[in-house]
Amino acid sequence: MAVNLDVVDGGALDEKRMTWGDVLRMIREERGLTQAQLADLVKAHQTMISHLELGKTPPDEKWARLLDEKLDAGGRLVMAFKLVEPYLAQPQAKWDAFKDFKKLESQAVRLYEFSTGRITGLLQSEAYMRALYRLHNPWESDEEIGERVVERLGRQAILFRADRARLINVIDEAVLRRVVGGPAVMREQHAHMLTMMQLPNVNVQVLPFAAGAVTPAPMSGMTILELANGRKRVYSESLAHGHIIESARQVRQYVDDYDEVRAQALSHAASAELIRDVMEGLPGEQRLVDQEQLLGRQQRPVRRVRPAVRYPRRRSRA
């Protein structure tokens, strides 16, 4: 549950939505204490402080008052707890982070994306979309898949409207070489991306294999959304959920990470050449037929050999 900092801190901070754990971390850092040092003050394990700050362990009034006293917080932790207390006992509805992301995406003036698993939806061809949706939703009908494709194609309108959003996309080379839907689909996808790269508001930079291990590269893809008021938000996905990061401190860290990755990527022009090379290296229909015929000629019948049977020697009865 978010805490309104207008109440807790007089509106002195830029960010107005924080969890109770964020307030605890903020006050702990104000006092110059580590989690371990605070744990010693309240006679608890450091893991407990970490879980309270991350929201893995919900707070109670006892913890709020004890921590407020030890941190000399002036009642701020208790006040923040009172704000969230009514919601702690209620089952929380599943937050649809992706729905919020789509709203932010439609409002963004700049999008900085790092693609590690698949090509960003803003640059996907229709065939590539269908192949991805079919892969991840095999139980859905063609009509349902079609509705998903139409919705995603509609999101691409932000690149063509009057006040066009600017897209800066760093893409891992592995994404270009990972075949989705077959060689024909990938050739069309790469051709579509090269066409999109000609737009003045689209910049694509490939992070090549030659860059090696990039530190601190995020393990999963992410999108940094810059809004008209200058605020930035970060969207990323884990195995089952999407996550929107609003904390200014965390956003700054992700922006720094993105800049580090982008600095090691190829230029826009060099990336276009690499994409073209990958596209031309994909096997065509005739090449696939030739490969199948070659494999057929190389196959040899398996020679079946009967296992040797050994009979025991007869022993002399003498």
Protein backbone atom coordinates (compact mmCIF):
# COMPACT_ATOMS: atom_id res chain seq x y z
CA MET A 1 0.00 0.00 0.00
CA ALA A 2 1.36 3.45 -0.91
CA VAL A 3 1.85 6.19 1.66
CA ASN A 4 1.00 9.80 0.79
CA LEU A 5 4.12 11.73 1.72
CA ASP A 6 2.20 15.01 1.74
CA VAL A 7 0.94 13.78 5.11
CA VAL A 8 4.06 12.00 6.35
CA ASP A 9 6.74 14.45 5.23
CA GLY A 10 4.93 17.67 4.43
CA GLY A 11 5.31 17.12 0.70
CA ALA A 12 9.05 17.88 0.85
CA LEU A 13 9.99 15.03 -1.48
CA ASP A 14 9.53 14.71 -5.23
CA GLU A 15 7.98 11.25 -5.01
CA LYS A 16 4.48 11.16 -3.48
CA ARG A 17 3.92 7.40 -3.51
CA MET A 18 6.00 5.24 -1.21
CA THR A 19 5.40 2.07 0.74
CA TRP A 20 5.76 1.96 4.50
CA GLY A 21 9.03 0.15 3.92
CA ASP A 22 10.24 3.01 1.72
CA VAL A 23 9.55 5.44 4.55
CA LEU A 24 11.50 3.22 6.95
CA ARG A 25 14.46 3.05 4.56
CA MET A 26 14.36 6.82 3.97
CA ILE A 27 14.48 7.60 7.69
CA ARG A 28 17.17 4.95 8.35
CA GLU A 29 19.36 6.51 5.65
CA GLU A 30 18.69 9.99 7.10
CA ARG A 31 20.22 8.71 10.34
CA GLY A 32 23.21 7.27 8.48
CA LEU A 33 22.52 3.73 9.64
CA THR A 34 22.92 0.45 7.79
CA GLN A 35 20.31 -2.28 8.03
CA ALA A 36 22.66 -4.25 10.29
CA GLN A 37 23.14 -1.28 12.65
CA LEU A 38 19.40 -0.69 12.89
CA ALA A 39 18.86 -4.39 13.53
CA ASP A 40 21.26 -4.20 16.48
CA LEU A 41 19.33 -1.24 17.90
CA VAL A 42 16.01 -3.12 17.90
CA LYS A 43 17.54 -6.51 18.82
CA ALA A 44 16.49 -8.13 15.54
CA HIS A 45 18.17 -9.85 12.60
CA GLN A 46 19.19 -7.77 9.60
CA THR A 47 16.91 -9.93 7.42
CA MET A 48 13.90 -8.62 9.35
CA ILE A 49 14.81 -5.01 8.58
CA SER A 50 15.38 -5.91 4.93
CA HIS A 51 12.00 -7.65 4.68
CA LEU A 52 10.21 -4.72 6.30
CA GLU A 53 11.80 -2.26 3.86
CA LEU A 54 11.06 -4.45 0.83
CA GLY A 55 7.48 -5.12 1.91
CA LYS A 56 8.06 -8.87 2.22
CA THR A 57 7.01 -8.66 5.89
CA PRO A 58 4.01 -6.41 6.64
CA PRO A 59 4.52 -4.00 9.54
CA ASP A 60 2.51 -3.94 12.73
CA GLU A 61 2.03 -1.18 15.29
CA LYS A 62 4.60 -2.67 17.66
CA TRP A 63 7.34 -2.54 15.02
CA ALA A 64 6.26 0.91 13.86
CA ARG A 65 6.51 2.37 17.38
CA LEU A 66 9.78 0.59 18.23
CA LEU A 67 11.50 1.67 15.02
CA ASP A 68 10.10 5.19 15.30
CA GLU A 69 11.56 5.45 18.82
CA LYS A 70 14.98 4.03 17.95
CA LEU A 71 15.28 6.19 14.83
CA ASP A 72 13.94 9.29 16.59
CA ALA A 73 11.53 9.67 13.66
CA GLY A 74 9.16 12.04 15.43
CA GLY A 75 6.12 9.85 14.87
CA ARG A 76 6.51 9.60 11.09
CA LEU A 77 6.70 5.80 11.03
CA VAL A 78 3.67 5.51 13.32
CA MET A 79 1.72 7.98 11.19
CA ALA A 80 2.66 6.09 8.01
CA PHE A 81 1.58 2.82 9.61
CA LYS A 82 -1.82 4.31 10.53
CA LEU A 83 -2.32 5.20 6.88
CA VAL A 84 -1.71 1.66 5.62
CA GLU A 85 -3.17 -0.27 8.58
CA PRO A 86 -6.74 -0.47 7.18
CA TYR A 87 -5.45 -2.19 4.06
CA LEU A 88 -3.14 -4.73 5.67
CA ALA A 89 -5.92 -7.13 6.66
CA GLN A 90 -7.67 -6.93 3.28
CA PRO A 91 -6.83 -9.21 0.37
CA GLN A 92 -5.05 -7.10 -2.20
CA ALA A 93 -6.35 -7.12 -5.75
CA LYS A 94 -3.79 -8.17 -8.33
CA TRP A 95 -2.20 -5.05 -9.74
CA ASP A 96 -2.13 -5.05 -13.50
CA ALA A 97 1.23 -3.35 -13.98
CA PHE A 98 1.18 -3.90 -17.74
CA LYS A 99 -2.09 -1.98 -18.00
CA ASP A 100 -0.47 0.96 -16.22
CA PHE A 101 2.60 0.57 -18.43
CA LYS A 102 0.51 0.88 -21.60
CA LYS A 103 -1.01 4.09 -20.26
CA LEU A 104 2.43 5.51 -19.47
CA GLU A 105 3.70 4.38 -22.87
CA SER A 106 0.92 6.29 -24.64
CA GLN A 107 1.87 9.44 -22.68
CA ALA A 108 5.65 9.14 -23.01
CA VAL A 109 7.69 11.58 -25.06
CA ARG A 110 10.79 9.35 -25.01
CA LEU A 111 11.20 5.62 -24.50
CA TYR A 112 14.55 4.02 -23.77
CA GLU A 113 14.32 0.26 -24.21
CA PHE A 114 16.75 -2.58 -23.62
CA SER A 115 15.56 -5.75 -25.39
CA THR A 116 17.02 -9.06 -24.22
CA GLY A 117 14.35 -11.70 -24.84
CA ARG A 118 12.38 -10.50 -27.84
CA ILE A 119 12.11 -7.55 -30.18
CA THR A 120 10.27 -4.63 -28.61
CA GLY A 121 6.56 -4.53 -29.39
CA LEU A 122 6.93 -1.09 -30.97
CA LEU A 123 9.14 -2.55 -33.70
CA GLN A 124 7.49 -5.95 -34.22
CA SER A 125 6.01 -7.01 -37.54
CA GLU A 126 2.53 -8.49 -37.57
CA ALA A 127 3.80 -11.99 -38.40
CA TYR A 128 6.37 -11.85 -35.58
CA MET A 129 3.63 -10.79 -33.15
CA ARG A 130 1.39 -13.68 -34.18
CA ALA A 131 4.23 -16.17 -33.79
CA LEU A 132 5.06 -14.88 -30.31
CA TYR A 133 1.45 -14.89 -29.13
CA ARG A 134 0.90 -18.39 -30.53
CA LEU A 135 4.05 -19.58 -28.75
CA HIS A 136 3.03 -18.17 -25.37
CA ASN A 137 -0.74 -18.71 -25.68
CA PRO A 138 -1.14 -22.04 -27.53
CA TRP A 139 -4.64 -22.58 -26.12
CA GLU A 140 -6.09 -19.37 -27.60
CA SER A 141 -8.11 -19.28 -30.81
CA ASP A 142 -6.97 -17.49 -33.96
CA GLU A 143 -9.58 -14.83 -33.23
CA GLU A 144 -8.18 -14.19 -29.75
CA ILE A 145 -4.63 -14.04 -31.10
CA GLY A 146 -5.86 -11.63 -33.75
CA GLU A 147 -7.30 -9.31 -31.10
CA ARG A 148 -3.97 -9.26 -29.29
CA VAL A 149 -2.16 -8.42 -32.53
CA VAL A 150 -4.55 -5.55 -33.33
CA GLU A 151 -4.07 -4.13 -29.84
CA ARG A 152 -0.26 -4.26 -30.10
CA LEU A 153 -0.26 -2.74 -33.58
CA GLY A 154 -2.36 0.10 -32.17
CA ARG A 155 0.31 0.84 -29.58
CA GLN A 156 2.79 1.53 -32.37
CA ALA A 157 0.79 4.64 -33.30
CA ILE A 158 2.83 6.68 -30.79
CA LEU A 159 5.69 6.58 -33.31
CA PHE A 160 3.55 8.11 -36.08
CA ARG A 161 1.31 10.66 -34.37
CA ALA A 162 1.78 14.43 -34.74
CA ASP A 163 3.75 14.69 -31.48
CA ARG A 164 5.77 11.55 -32.16
CA ALA A 165 7.40 9.78 -29.25
CA ARG A 166 11.12 9.14 -29.63
CA LEU A 167 12.28 5.51 -29.30
CA ILE A 168 15.86 4.61 -28.41
CA ASN A 169 16.15 0.83 -28.44
CA VAL A 170 19.26 -1.12 -27.43
CA ILE A 171 18.80 -4.71 -28.54
CA ASP A 172 20.92 -7.74 -27.67
CA GLU A 173 22.34 -9.43 -30.78
CA ALA A 174 20.95 -12.74 -29.54
CA VAL A 175 17.42 -11.40 -30.04
CA LEU A 176 18.14 -10.83 -33.73
CA ARG A 177 19.47 -14.35 -34.20
CA ARG A 178 16.78 -16.15 -32.19
CA VAL A 179 14.35 -17.49 -34.81
CA VAL A 180 10.69 -16.93 -33.93
CA GLY A 181 8.09 -18.39 -36.27
CA GLY A 182 10.62 -19.63 -38.82
CA PRO A 183 13.16 -18.01 -41.19
CA ALA A 184 10.49 -16.35 -43.36
CA VAL A 185 8.95 -14.59 -40.35
CA MET A 186 12.38 -13.43 -39.18
CA ARG A 187 13.34 -12.09 -42.62
CA GLU A 188 10.12 -10.07 -42.69
CA GLN A 189 10.76 -8.89 -39.12
CA HIS A 190 14.28 -7.70 -39.88
CA ALA A 191 13.12 -5.97 -43.06
CA HIS A 192 10.36 -4.26 -41.05
CA MET A 193 12.87 -3.13 -38.41
CA LEU A 194 15.18 -1.68 -41.07
CA THR A 195 12.22 0.28 -42.46
CA MET A 196 11.30 1.58 -39.00
CA MET A 197 14.90 2.60 -38.41
CA GLN A 198 14.56 5.12 -41.23
CA LEU A 199 12.10 7.12 -39.12
CA PRO A 200 13.76 10.24 -37.63
CA ASN A 201 12.37 9.43 -34.17
CA VAL A 202 13.58 5.81 -34.02
CA ASN A 203 17.11 4.89 -33.00
CA VAL A 204 18.20 1.24 -32.76
CA GLN A 205 21.57 0.13 -31.44
CA VAL A 206 22.62 -3.51 -31.28
CA LEU A 207 24.65 -4.76 -28.34
CA PRO A 208 26.96 -7.18 -30.18
CA PHE A 209 28.36 -10.47 -28.94
CA ALA A 210 31.80 -8.88 -29.29
CA ALA A 211 30.97 -6.54 -26.39
CA GLY A 212 31.23 -9.54 -24.09
CA ALA A 213 29.75 -9.45 -20.62
CA VAL A 214 28.44 -5.94 -20.03
CA THR A 215 28.34 -4.67 -16.47
CA PRO A 216 26.01 -3.59 -15.05
CA ALA A 217 23.64 -4.87 -17.76
CA PRO A 218 20.14 -5.76 -16.50
CA MET A 219 19.43 -9.48 -16.69
CA SER A 220 16.01 -8.81 -18.17
CA GLY A 221 14.75 -6.20 -20.59
CA MET A 222 13.45 -2.89 -19.37
CA THR A 223 11.81 0.29 -20.60
CA ILE A 224 12.54 3.76 -19.26
CA LEU A 225 9.61 6.07 -19.95
CA GLU A 226 10.15 9.82 -19.94
CA LEU A 227 6.97 11.87 -19.56
CA ALA A 228 6.25 15.41 -20.73
CA ASN A 229 6.90 16.80 -17.23
CA GLY A 230 10.39 15.30 -17.22
CA ARG A 231 9.54 12.51 -14.78
CA LYS A 232 10.83 9.04 -15.59
CA ARG A 233 9.42 5.60 -14.79
CA VAL A 234 10.96 2.16 -15.32
CA TYR A 235 9.03 -0.91 -16.44
CA SER A 236 10.46 -4.43 -16.31
CA GLU A 237 9.10 -7.96 -16.22
CA SER A 238 9.91 -11.01 -14.12
CA LEU A 239 8.68 -14.54 -14.76
CA ALA A 240 5.05 -13.86 -13.88
CA HIS A 241 4.63 -10.15 -13.23
CA GLY A 242 5.39 -6.71 -14.54
CA HIS A 243 6.90 -4.05 -12.33
CA ILE A 244 6.75 -0.26 -12.50
CA ILE A 245 9.48 1.57 -10.58
CA GLU A 246 8.70 5.12 -9.50
CA SER A 247 11.30 5.79 -6.82
CA ALA A 248 13.56 8.59 -8.09
CA ARG A 249 16.62 6.96 -6.53
CA GLN A 250 15.98 3.59 -8.21
CA VAL A 251 15.08 5.20 -11.53
CA ARG A 252 18.38 7.08 -11.56
CA GLN A 253 20.23 3.81 -11.01
CA TYR A 254 18.47 2.15 -13.95
CA VAL A 255 19.13 5.18 -16.16
CA ASP A 256 22.85 4.92 -15.32
CA ASP A 257 22.80 1.18 -16.11
CA TYR A 258 21.08 1.85 -19.43
CA ASP A 259 23.62 4.51 -20.37
CA GLU A 260 26.43 2.06 -19.61
CA VAL A 261 24.91 -0.59 -21.87
CA ARG A 262 24.15 1.86 -24.66
CA ALA A 263 27.73 3.15 -24.61
CA GLN A 264 28.94 -0.34 -25.58
CA ALA A 265 26.37 -0.87 -28.35
CA LEU A 266 26.95 -0.31 -32.06
CA SER A 267 25.93 2.93 -33.73
CA HIS A 268 22.58 3.22 -35.48
CA ALA A 269 24.21 2.81 -38.92
CA ALA A 270 26.43 -0.11 -37.88
CA SER A 271 23.43 -1.77 -36.25
CA ALA A 272 21.47 -1.53 -39.50
CA GLU A 273 24.34 -3.28 -41.32
CA LEU A 274 24.40 -6.08 -38.74
CA ILE A 275 20.63 -6.54 -38.95
CA ARG A 276 20.91 -6.72 -42.73
CA ASP A 277 23.69 -9.33 -42.46
CA VAL A 278 21.62 -11.45 -40.08
CA MET A 279 18.61 -11.19 -42.39
CA GLU A 280 20.61 -12.22 -45.46
CA GLY A 281 22.11 -15.13 -43.52
CA LEU A 282 18.71 -16.66 -42.84
CA PRO A 283 17.99 -19.71 -45.02
CA GLY A 284 15.48 -19.20 -47.83
CA GLU A 285 12.91 -21.78 -48.91
CA GLN A 286 15.13 -23.24 -51.66
CA ARG A 287 18.08 -23.40 -49.31
CA LEU A 288 16.02 -25.31 -46.77
CA VAL A 289 14.95 -27.79 -49.46
CA ASP A 290 18.57 -28.25 -50.55
CA GLN A 291 19.64 -28.85 -46.95
CA GLU A 292 16.92 -31.46 -46.45
CA GLN A 293 17.92 -33.23 -49.67
CA LEU A 294 21.57 -33.18 -48.65
CA LEU A 295 20.74 -34.67 -45.28
CA GLY A 296 18.63 -37.31 -47.01
CA ARG A 297 21.54 -38.37 -49.23
CA GLN A 298 23.91 -38.48 -46.30
CA GLN A 299 21.71 -40.76 -44.25
CA ARG A 300 22.91 -44.35 -44.34
CA PRO A 301 20.96 -47.43 -43.34
CA VAL A 302 21.79 -48.63 -39.89
CA ARG A 303 23.56 -51.96 -39.88
CA ARG A 304 22.00 -54.21 -37.29
CA VAL A 305 24.46 -56.54 -35.63
CA ARG A 306 23.28 -59.49 -33.64
CA PRO A 307 24.87 -59.68 -30.24
CA ALA A 308 27.33 -62.50 -29.87
CA VAL A 309 25.95 -65.41 -27.92
CA ARG A 310 28.38 -67.17 -25.64
CA TYR A 311 27.62 -70.73 -24.55
CA PRO A 312 29.12 -72.10 -21.36
CA ARG A 313 31.79 -74.71 -21.82
CA ARG A 314 30.88 -78.21 -20.89
CA ARG A 315 32.70 -79.47 -17.87
CA SER A 316 34.25 -82.93 -17.87
CA ARG A 317 32.38 -85.39 -15.69
CA ALA A 318 35.54 -87.37 -15.04
